[in-house]
Amino acid sequence: MANHAATKKDVRQSAKRNERNRYYGKTTRNAIRDIRAIDSQKTASDKLPEVSSMIDKLAKRGTIHKNKASNLKRKLALRVNSLKK
């Protein structure tokens, strides 16, 4: 690593971004896991917009690819819609 001030700052910034992205990614993965575990369609359909929003934010930040976000939301919607009322 170079000893330039700008390089040191860039390392600090990237570490901070990495930690933030890991936090939001893990939180979203936990929310996806929780919604998949729900057996009631009413409860799952209430939580679906919240989880979809979390996934969209990850894609917007660049943490995950936009196509992966789209695929995750599609699979969740199919799962929620297939549950019995």
N, C-alpha and C. Protein backbone atom coordinates (compact mmCIF):
# COMPACT_ATOMS: atom_id res chain seq x y z
N MET A 1 0.84 -1.18 0.00
CA MET A 1 0.00 0.00 0.00
C MET A 1 0.88 1.24 0.00
N ALA A 2 0.47 2.22 -0.77
CA ALA A 2 1.23 3.47 -0.84
C ALA A 2 0.99 4.27 0.43
N ASN A 3 1.92 5.16 0.71
CA ASN A 3 1.81 5.99 1.90
C ASN A 3 1.21 7.35 1.59
N HIS A 4 0.41 7.44 0.56
CA HIS A 4 -0.24 8.71 0.24
C HIS A 4 -1.48 8.87 1.11
N ALA A 5 -1.76 10.09 1.47
CA ALA A 5 -2.93 10.36 2.31
C ALA A 5 -4.22 9.92 1.63
N ALA A 6 -4.30 10.17 0.33
CA ALA A 6 -5.52 9.80 -0.40
C ALA A 6 -5.71 8.29 -0.42
N THR A 7 -4.63 7.53 -0.52
CA THR A 7 -4.73 6.07 -0.54
C THR A 7 -5.17 5.55 0.83
N LYS A 8 -4.63 6.14 1.88
CA LYS A 8 -5.04 5.72 3.22
C LYS A 8 -6.52 6.02 3.46
N LYS A 9 -6.96 7.18 2.97
CA LYS A 9 -8.37 7.53 3.12
C LYS A 9 -9.24 6.56 2.32
N ASP A 10 -8.81 6.20 1.12
CA ASP A 10 -9.56 5.26 0.29
C ASP A 10 -9.70 3.90 0.97
N VAL A 11 -8.64 3.47 1.65
CA VAL A 11 -8.69 2.20 2.37
C VAL A 11 -9.70 2.28 3.52
N ARG A 12 -9.70 3.41 4.23
CA ARG A 12 -10.67 3.58 5.32
C ARG A 12 -12.10 3.58 4.79
N GLN A 13 -12.31 4.29 3.68
CA GLN A 13 -13.65 4.38 3.12
C GLN A 13 -14.14 3.02 2.63
N SER A 14 -13.26 2.28 1.97
CA SER A 14 -13.67 0.97 1.45
C SER A 14 -13.96 -0.01 2.58
N ALA A 15 -13.21 0.08 3.67
CA ALA A 15 -13.47 -0.79 4.82
C ALA A 15 -14.83 -0.46 5.44
N LYS A 16 -15.13 0.82 5.51
CA LYS A 16 -16.42 1.25 6.07
C LYS A 16 -17.56 0.79 5.17
N ARG A 17 -17.41 0.95 3.86
CA ARG A 17 -18.44 0.51 2.91
C ARG A 17 -18.62 -1.00 2.96
N ASN A 18 -17.49 -1.73 3.06
CA ASN A 18 -17.55 -3.19 3.12
C ASN A 18 -18.33 -3.65 4.34
N GLU A 19 -18.08 -3.04 5.47
CA GLU A 19 -18.77 -3.41 6.70
C GLU A 19 -20.26 -3.10 6.59
N ARG A 20 -20.59 -1.95 6.02
CA ARG A 20 -21.99 -1.56 5.85
C ARG A 20 -22.70 -2.52 4.89
N ASN A 21 -22.05 -2.85 3.78
CA ASN A 21 -22.65 -3.77 2.82
C ASN A 21 -22.87 -5.15 3.42
N ARG A 22 -21.90 -5.62 4.22
CA ARG A 22 -22.05 -6.91 4.86
C ARG A 22 -23.23 -6.91 5.82
N TYR A 23 -23.40 -5.81 6.56
CA TYR A 23 -24.51 -5.70 7.51
C TYR A 23 -25.84 -5.75 6.78
N TYR A 24 -26.01 -4.91 5.76
CA TYR A 24 -27.28 -4.87 5.03
C TYR A 24 -27.54 -6.18 4.30
N GLY A 25 -26.49 -6.78 3.75
CA GLY A 25 -26.64 -8.06 3.06
C GLY A 25 -27.10 -9.15 4.00
N LYS A 26 -26.49 -9.22 5.17
CA LYS A 26 -26.84 -10.26 6.15
C LYS A 26 -28.25 -10.03 6.68
N THR A 27 -28.61 -8.78 6.93
CA THR A 27 -29.95 -8.46 7.42
C THR A 27 -31.00 -8.87 6.40
N THR A 28 -30.73 -8.60 5.13
CA THR A 28 -31.67 -8.96 4.08
C THR A 28 -31.77 -10.48 3.93
N ARG A 29 -30.63 -11.18 3.99
CA ARG A 29 -30.66 -12.64 3.90
C ARG A 29 -31.47 -13.24 5.04
N ASN A 30 -31.35 -12.67 6.23
CA ASN A 30 -32.13 -13.16 7.37
C ASN A 30 -33.62 -12.92 7.15
N ALA A 31 -33.97 -11.76 6.58
CA ALA A 31 -35.37 -11.45 6.31
C ALA A 31 -35.94 -12.41 5.27
N ILE A 32 -35.14 -12.73 4.25
CA ILE A 32 -35.56 -13.68 3.23
C ILE A 32 -35.77 -15.06 3.84
N ARG A 33 -34.85 -15.47 4.70
CA ARG A 33 -34.99 -16.76 5.38
C ARG A 33 -36.25 -16.79 6.23
N ASP A 34 -36.53 -15.70 6.92
CA ASP A 34 -37.71 -15.65 7.79
C ASP A 34 -39.01 -15.71 6.99
N ILE A 35 -39.04 -15.01 5.86
CA ILE A 35 -40.27 -15.01 5.06
C ILE A 35 -40.49 -16.37 4.40
N ARG A 36 -39.42 -17.07 4.09
CA ARG A 36 -39.56 -18.42 3.52
C ARG A 36 -40.08 -19.40 4.56
N ALA A 37 -39.83 -19.14 5.83
CA ALA A 37 -40.25 -20.05 6.89
C ALA A 37 -41.72 -19.86 7.28
N ILE A 38 -42.32 -18.77 6.83
CA ILE A 38 -43.71 -18.48 7.20
C ILE A 38 -44.66 -19.40 6.41
N ASP A 39 -45.66 -19.94 7.11
CA ASP A 39 -46.62 -20.84 6.49
C ASP A 39 -47.94 -20.16 6.15
N SER A 40 -48.21 -19.01 6.72
CA SER A 40 -49.47 -18.31 6.50
C SER A 40 -49.31 -17.31 5.35
N GLN A 41 -50.21 -17.38 4.39
CA GLN A 41 -50.11 -16.46 3.25
C GLN A 41 -50.35 -15.02 3.68
N LYS A 42 -51.26 -14.79 4.62
CA LYS A 42 -51.56 -13.43 5.08
C LYS A 42 -50.32 -12.79 5.69
N THR A 43 -49.65 -13.49 6.56
CA THR A 43 -48.46 -12.96 7.21
C THR A 43 -47.34 -12.74 6.20
N ALA A 44 -47.15 -13.71 5.32
CA ALA A 44 -46.08 -13.61 4.33
C ALA A 44 -46.34 -12.47 3.35
N SER A 45 -47.60 -12.30 2.93
CA SER A 45 -47.89 -11.22 1.98
C SER A 45 -47.76 -9.85 2.63
N ASP A 46 -47.94 -9.78 3.95
CA ASP A 46 -47.72 -8.52 4.66
C ASP A 46 -46.24 -8.16 4.72
N LYS A 47 -45.39 -9.17 4.84
CA LYS A 47 -43.95 -8.94 4.95
C LYS A 47 -43.26 -8.80 3.60
N LEU A 48 -43.89 -9.28 2.54
CA LEU A 48 -43.25 -9.28 1.21
C LEU A 48 -42.82 -7.90 0.72
N PRO A 49 -43.64 -6.84 0.84
CA PRO A 49 -43.18 -5.53 0.36
C PRO A 49 -41.96 -5.02 1.11
N GLU A 50 -41.90 -5.30 2.40
CA GLU A 50 -40.77 -4.86 3.21
C GLU A 50 -39.47 -5.55 2.75
N VAL A 51 -39.54 -6.85 2.53
CA VAL A 51 -38.36 -7.61 2.10
C VAL A 51 -37.97 -7.23 0.67
N SER A 52 -38.97 -7.01 -0.19
CA SER A 52 -38.68 -6.59 -1.56
C SER A 52 -37.97 -5.25 -1.58
N SER A 53 -38.37 -4.36 -0.70
CA SER A 53 -37.73 -3.07 -0.60
C SER A 53 -36.27 -3.21 -0.16
N MET A 54 -36.02 -4.10 0.79
CA MET A 54 -34.65 -4.34 1.24
C MET A 54 -33.79 -4.86 0.09
N ILE A 55 -34.36 -5.78 -0.70
CA ILE A 55 -33.62 -6.34 -1.83
C ILE A 55 -33.32 -5.26 -2.87
N ASP A 56 -34.31 -4.40 -3.14
CA ASP A 56 -34.12 -3.31 -4.09
C ASP A 56 -33.01 -2.36 -3.64
N LYS A 57 -32.96 -2.10 -2.35
CA LYS A 57 -31.93 -1.20 -1.83
C LYS A 57 -30.54 -1.80 -2.00
N LEU A 58 -30.42 -3.13 -1.82
CA LEU A 58 -29.13 -3.78 -2.03
C LEU A 58 -28.69 -3.65 -3.48
N ALA A 59 -29.64 -3.80 -4.40
CA ALA A 59 -29.32 -3.68 -5.82
C ALA A 59 -28.94 -2.24 -6.16
N LYS A 60 -29.64 -1.30 -5.57
CA LYS A 60 -29.36 0.12 -5.83
C LYS A 60 -27.95 0.49 -5.35
N ARG A 61 -27.57 -0.04 -4.21
CA ARG A 61 -26.25 0.24 -3.66
C ARG A 61 -25.14 -0.49 -4.41
N GLY A 62 -25.52 -1.53 -5.17
CA GLY A 62 -24.51 -2.29 -5.89
C GLY A 62 -23.99 -3.46 -5.09
N THR A 63 -24.62 -3.75 -3.97
CA THR A 63 -24.19 -4.88 -3.15
C THR A 63 -24.49 -6.19 -3.86
N ILE A 64 -25.65 -6.25 -4.52
CA ILE A 64 -25.98 -7.41 -5.35
C ILE A 64 -26.35 -6.90 -6.74
N HIS A 65 -26.30 -7.77 -7.72
CA HIS A 65 -26.64 -7.40 -9.09
C HIS A 65 -28.14 -7.20 -9.23
N LYS A 66 -28.56 -6.32 -10.12
CA LYS A 66 -29.99 -6.04 -10.26
C LYS A 66 -30.77 -7.27 -10.73
N ASN A 67 -30.15 -8.14 -11.53
CA ASN A 67 -30.84 -9.35 -11.98
C ASN A 67 -31.01 -10.33 -10.83
N LYS A 68 -30.03 -10.40 -9.93
CA LYS A 68 -30.15 -11.27 -8.75
C LYS A 68 -31.29 -10.76 -7.87
N ALA A 69 -31.38 -9.45 -7.74
CA ALA A 69 -32.47 -8.87 -6.94
C ALA A 69 -33.81 -9.23 -7.56
N SER A 70 -33.90 -9.12 -8.87
CA SER A 70 -35.14 -9.45 -9.56
C SER A 70 -35.51 -10.91 -9.37
N ASN A 71 -34.53 -11.80 -9.49
CA ASN A 71 -34.77 -13.23 -9.31
C ASN A 71 -35.21 -13.56 -7.89
N LEU A 72 -34.58 -12.93 -6.91
CA LEU A 72 -34.96 -13.17 -5.51
C LEU A 72 -36.40 -12.73 -5.27
N LYS A 73 -36.76 -11.55 -5.75
CA LYS A 73 -38.12 -11.05 -5.55
C LYS A 73 -39.14 -11.94 -6.25
N ARG A 74 -38.81 -12.43 -7.44
CA ARG A 74 -39.71 -13.30 -8.18
C ARG A 74 -39.95 -14.59 -7.42
N LYS A 75 -38.87 -15.20 -6.94
CA LYS A 75 -39.00 -16.47 -6.22
C LYS A 75 -39.79 -16.29 -4.92
N LEU A 76 -39.56 -15.17 -4.23
CA LEU A 76 -40.31 -14.92 -3.00
C LEU A 76 -41.80 -14.74 -3.29
N ALA A 77 -42.10 -13.99 -4.36
CA ALA A 77 -43.50 -13.75 -4.70
C ALA A 77 -44.19 -15.06 -5.08
N LEU A 78 -43.50 -15.91 -5.83
CA LEU A 78 -44.07 -17.21 -6.18
C LEU A 78 -44.34 -18.05 -4.95
N ARG A 79 -43.40 -18.03 -4.03
CA ARG A 79 -43.56 -18.80 -2.79
C ARG A 79 -44.73 -18.30 -1.97
N VAL A 80 -44.83 -16.97 -1.82
CA VAL A 80 -45.92 -16.39 -1.04
C VAL A 80 -47.26 -16.69 -1.69
N ASN A 81 -47.32 -16.58 -3.01
CA ASN A 81 -48.59 -16.81 -3.72
C ASN A 81 -49.00 -18.27 -3.70
N SER A 82 -48.03 -19.18 -3.54
CA SER A 82 -48.37 -20.61 -3.53
C SER A 82 -48.83 -21.11 -2.17
N LEU A 83 -48.67 -20.29 -1.14
CA LEU A 83 -49.11 -20.70 0.20
C LEU A 83 -50.62 -20.76 0.27
N LYS A 84 -51.12 -21.66 1.12
CA LYS A 84 -52.56 -21.75 1.32
C LYS A 84 -53.02 -20.68 2.28
N LYS A 85 -54.23 -20.24 2.08
CA LYS A 85 -54.78 -19.17 2.93
C LYS A 85 -55.18 -19.70 4.28
